[in-house]
Amino acid sequence: MSLLSLGMVTIYDAYICLANLYLSLLFNAYFQFFIIPALTYFILSSMFDMRLMICVWRDRYYADLPNLIEVRKALT
């Protein structure tokens, strides 16, 4: 799995979340029907997408970094 494809999936997930958020603000009568899925989708996608991205990055580049301090520097 490449970091580029995973980044594109993360951007698509963020777009869906923002689209639901925009619709919830646009139609006040349906606010509760759009905001709950938007927040749930944002929380779940950010948790799992970021965790998967860190796992992929670690599997690809962790062997190149000799100690924990170098890993922290590379992540920041």
N, C-alpha and C. Protein backbone atom coordinates (compact mmCIF):
# COMPACT_ATOMS: atom_id res chain seq x y z
N MET A 1 0.85 -1.17 0.00
CA MET A 1 0.00 0.00 0.00
C MET A 1 0.90 1.23 0.00
N SER A 2 0.63 2.14 -0.88
CA SER A 2 1.47 3.33 -0.96
C SER A 2 0.89 4.46 -0.11
N LEU A 3 1.78 5.33 0.32
CA LEU A 3 1.34 6.47 1.11
C LEU A 3 0.52 7.44 0.26
N LEU A 4 0.80 7.50 -1.02
CA LEU A 4 0.06 8.40 -1.91
C LEU A 4 -1.41 7.95 -2.03
N SER A 5 -1.64 6.67 -2.24
CA SER A 5 -3.02 6.19 -2.35
C SER A 5 -3.75 6.32 -1.02
N LEU A 6 -3.06 6.08 0.06
CA LEU A 6 -3.67 6.24 1.37
C LEU A 6 -3.98 7.71 1.65
N GLY A 7 -3.12 8.61 1.20
CA GLY A 7 -3.39 10.05 1.34
C GLY A 7 -4.59 10.47 0.53
N MET A 8 -4.75 9.92 -0.67
CA MET A 8 -5.92 10.26 -1.49
C MET A 8 -7.20 9.76 -0.85
N VAL A 9 -7.18 8.58 -0.24
CA VAL A 9 -8.36 8.07 0.45
C VAL A 9 -8.69 8.95 1.65
N THR A 10 -7.69 9.42 2.35
CA THR A 10 -7.91 10.30 3.50
C THR A 10 -8.51 11.62 3.06
N ILE A 11 -8.04 12.17 1.94
CA ILE A 11 -8.61 13.41 1.42
C ILE A 11 -10.06 13.21 1.00
N TYR A 12 -10.37 12.07 0.39
CA TYR A 12 -11.74 11.77 0.00
C TYR A 12 -12.64 11.65 1.23
N ASP A 13 -12.16 11.01 2.28
CA ASP A 13 -12.94 10.90 3.51
C ASP A 13 -13.19 12.27 4.13
N ALA A 14 -12.19 13.13 4.10
CA ALA A 14 -12.37 14.48 4.63
C ALA A 14 -13.38 15.26 3.79
N TYR A 15 -13.37 15.05 2.48
CA TYR A 15 -14.33 15.73 1.61
C TYR A 15 -15.76 15.30 1.94
N ILE A 16 -15.98 14.02 2.16
CA ILE A 16 -17.32 13.54 2.51
C ILE A 16 -17.77 14.14 3.83
N CYS A 17 -16.87 14.21 4.77
CA CYS A 17 -17.20 14.79 6.07
C CYS A 17 -17.56 16.26 5.93
N LEU A 18 -16.77 17.00 5.18
CA LEU A 18 -17.05 18.43 5.00
C LEU A 18 -18.32 18.66 4.19
N ALA A 19 -18.61 17.78 3.25
CA ALA A 19 -19.85 17.92 2.48
C ALA A 19 -21.07 17.73 3.39
N ASN A 20 -21.02 16.74 4.27
CA ASN A 20 -22.12 16.56 5.22
C ASN A 20 -22.22 17.73 6.19
N LEU A 21 -21.09 18.25 6.61
CA LEU A 21 -21.10 19.41 7.51
C LEU A 21 -21.69 20.63 6.81
N TYR A 22 -21.32 20.84 5.56
CA TYR A 22 -21.87 21.95 4.79
C TYR A 22 -23.38 21.81 4.60
N LEU A 23 -23.83 20.61 4.28
CA LEU A 23 -25.27 20.39 4.12
C LEU A 23 -26.03 20.60 5.42
N SER A 24 -25.41 20.23 6.53
CA SER A 24 -26.08 20.43 7.81
C SER A 24 -26.21 21.90 8.14
N LEU A 25 -25.23 22.71 7.74
CA LEU A 25 -25.33 24.15 7.98
C LEU A 25 -26.24 24.84 6.97
N LEU A 26 -26.35 24.27 5.78
CA LEU A 26 -27.17 24.86 4.74
C LEU A 26 -28.66 24.66 4.99
N PHE A 27 -29.03 23.46 5.39
CA PHE A 27 -30.43 23.13 5.65
C PHE A 27 -30.63 22.96 7.15
N ASN A 28 -31.11 23.99 7.78
CA ASN A 28 -31.26 23.95 9.24
C ASN A 28 -32.30 22.95 9.70
N ALA A 29 -33.29 22.68 8.87
CA ALA A 29 -34.33 21.72 9.27
C ALA A 29 -33.77 20.30 9.37
N TYR A 30 -32.75 20.01 8.58
CA TYR A 30 -32.17 18.67 8.57
C TYR A 30 -30.80 18.63 9.26
N PHE A 31 -30.55 19.58 10.14
CA PHE A 31 -29.26 19.69 10.80
C PHE A 31 -28.86 18.41 11.51
N GLN A 32 -29.78 17.85 12.28
CA GLN A 32 -29.47 16.65 13.06
C GLN A 32 -29.22 15.44 12.18
N PHE A 33 -29.77 15.42 10.99
CA PHE A 33 -29.59 14.27 10.11
C PHE A 33 -28.26 14.31 9.36
N PHE A 34 -27.67 15.48 9.25
CA PHE A 34 -26.38 15.60 8.56
C PHE A 34 -25.20 15.74 9.51
N ILE A 35 -25.41 16.34 10.68
CA ILE A 35 -24.28 16.61 11.56
C ILE A 35 -23.81 15.35 12.29
N ILE A 36 -24.72 14.48 12.65
CA ILE A 36 -24.32 13.26 13.36
C ILE A 36 -23.47 12.35 12.47
N PRO A 37 -23.88 12.07 11.22
CA PRO A 37 -23.00 11.28 10.36
C PRO A 37 -21.68 11.99 10.04
N ALA A 38 -21.71 13.31 9.92
CA ALA A 38 -20.48 14.04 9.62
C ALA A 38 -19.48 13.91 10.76
N LEU A 39 -19.91 14.10 11.97
CA LEU A 39 -19.01 13.99 13.11
C LEU A 39 -18.54 12.55 13.33
N THR A 40 -19.45 11.61 13.19
CA THR A 40 -19.07 10.20 13.34
C THR A 40 -18.08 9.79 12.28
N TYR A 41 -18.32 10.18 11.05
CA TYR A 41 -17.42 9.84 9.95
C TYR A 41 -16.06 10.49 10.15
N PHE A 42 -16.05 11.74 10.63
CA PHE A 42 -14.80 12.42 10.87
C PHE A 42 -13.98 11.73 11.95
N ILE A 43 -14.61 11.38 13.04
CA ILE A 43 -13.90 10.73 14.14
C ILE A 43 -13.36 9.37 13.72
N LEU A 44 -14.20 8.57 13.09
CA LEU A 44 -13.76 7.23 12.70
C LEU A 44 -12.71 7.26 11.61
N SER A 45 -12.91 8.11 10.61
CA SER A 45 -11.94 8.13 9.51
C SER A 45 -10.61 8.73 9.97
N SER A 46 -10.65 9.74 10.83
CA SER A 46 -9.38 10.30 11.28
C SER A 46 -8.63 9.32 12.16
N MET A 47 -9.32 8.58 12.99
CA MET A 47 -8.64 7.59 13.84
C MET A 47 -8.03 6.48 13.00
N PHE A 48 -8.81 5.88 12.14
CA PHE A 48 -8.34 4.72 11.41
C PHE A 48 -7.42 5.07 10.26
N ASP A 49 -7.69 6.15 9.55
CA ASP A 49 -6.82 6.56 8.45
C ASP A 49 -5.45 6.99 8.94
N MET A 50 -5.43 7.75 10.02
CA MET A 50 -4.13 8.19 10.54
C MET A 50 -3.35 7.02 11.12
N ARG A 51 -4.04 6.12 11.79
CA ARG A 51 -3.36 4.95 12.33
C ARG A 51 -2.79 4.07 11.21
N LEU A 52 -3.56 3.89 10.15
CA LEU A 52 -3.08 3.10 9.02
C LEU A 52 -1.92 3.79 8.32
N MET A 53 -1.99 5.11 8.21
CA MET A 53 -0.91 5.85 7.58
C MET A 53 0.38 5.74 8.40
N ILE A 54 0.28 5.82 9.70
CA ILE A 54 1.46 5.66 10.56
C ILE A 54 2.01 4.25 10.47
N CYS A 55 1.14 3.26 10.40
CA CYS A 55 1.61 1.86 10.27
C CYS A 55 2.33 1.64 8.95
N VAL A 56 1.80 2.18 7.86
CA VAL A 56 2.44 2.03 6.56
C VAL A 56 3.78 2.76 6.55
N TRP A 57 3.81 3.97 7.10
CA TRP A 57 5.07 4.72 7.15
C TRP A 57 6.11 3.99 7.98
N ARG A 58 5.69 3.46 9.12
CA ARG A 58 6.62 2.76 9.99
C ARG A 58 7.17 1.50 9.33
N ASP A 59 6.33 0.77 8.63
CA ASP A 59 6.80 -0.44 7.96
C ASP A 59 7.78 -0.13 6.84
N ARG A 60 7.60 1.01 6.19
CA ARG A 60 8.49 1.35 5.07
C ARG A 60 9.80 1.97 5.52
N TYR A 61 9.77 2.85 6.52
CA TYR A 61 10.93 3.65 6.84
C TYR A 61 11.54 3.38 8.21
N TYR A 62 10.96 2.50 8.99
CA TYR A 62 11.45 2.27 10.34
C TYR A 62 12.82 1.60 10.35
N ALA A 63 13.10 0.76 9.37
CA ALA A 63 14.39 0.06 9.34
C ALA A 63 15.54 1.01 9.04
N ASP A 64 15.28 2.13 8.38
CA ASP A 64 16.32 3.10 8.05
C ASP A 64 16.74 3.94 9.25
N LEU A 65 15.92 3.98 10.28
CA LEU A 65 16.20 4.83 11.44
C LEU A 65 16.74 3.96 12.59
N PRO A 66 17.93 4.27 13.09
CA PRO A 66 18.60 3.37 14.03
C PRO A 66 18.03 3.38 15.45
N ASN A 67 17.54 4.51 15.93
CA ASN A 67 17.07 4.54 17.32
C ASN A 67 15.78 5.35 17.43
N LEU A 68 15.24 5.36 18.64
CA LEU A 68 13.94 6.00 18.87
C LEU A 68 13.99 7.51 18.68
N ILE A 69 15.09 8.13 18.99
CA ILE A 69 15.22 9.58 18.82
C ILE A 69 15.14 9.95 17.34
N GLU A 70 15.77 9.17 16.49
CA GLU A 70 15.71 9.42 15.05
C GLU A 70 14.30 9.21 14.50
N VAL A 71 13.58 8.25 15.05
CA VAL A 71 12.19 8.02 14.64
C VAL A 71 11.33 9.23 15.00
N ARG A 72 11.50 9.77 16.19
CA ARG A 72 10.74 10.95 16.61
C ARG A 72 11.05 12.16 15.76
N LYS A 73 12.33 12.33 15.41
CA LYS A 73 12.71 13.45 14.54
C LYS A 73 12.10 13.30 13.16
N ALA A 74 12.06 12.08 12.64
CA ALA A 74 11.50 11.85 11.32
C ALA A 74 9.98 12.08 11.29
N LEU A 75 9.31 11.71 12.37
CA LEU A 75 7.88 11.91 12.42
C LEU A 75 7.50 13.38 12.54
N THR A 76 8.33 14.14 13.23
CA THR A 76 8.01 15.56 13.38
C THR A 76 8.49 16.31 12.17
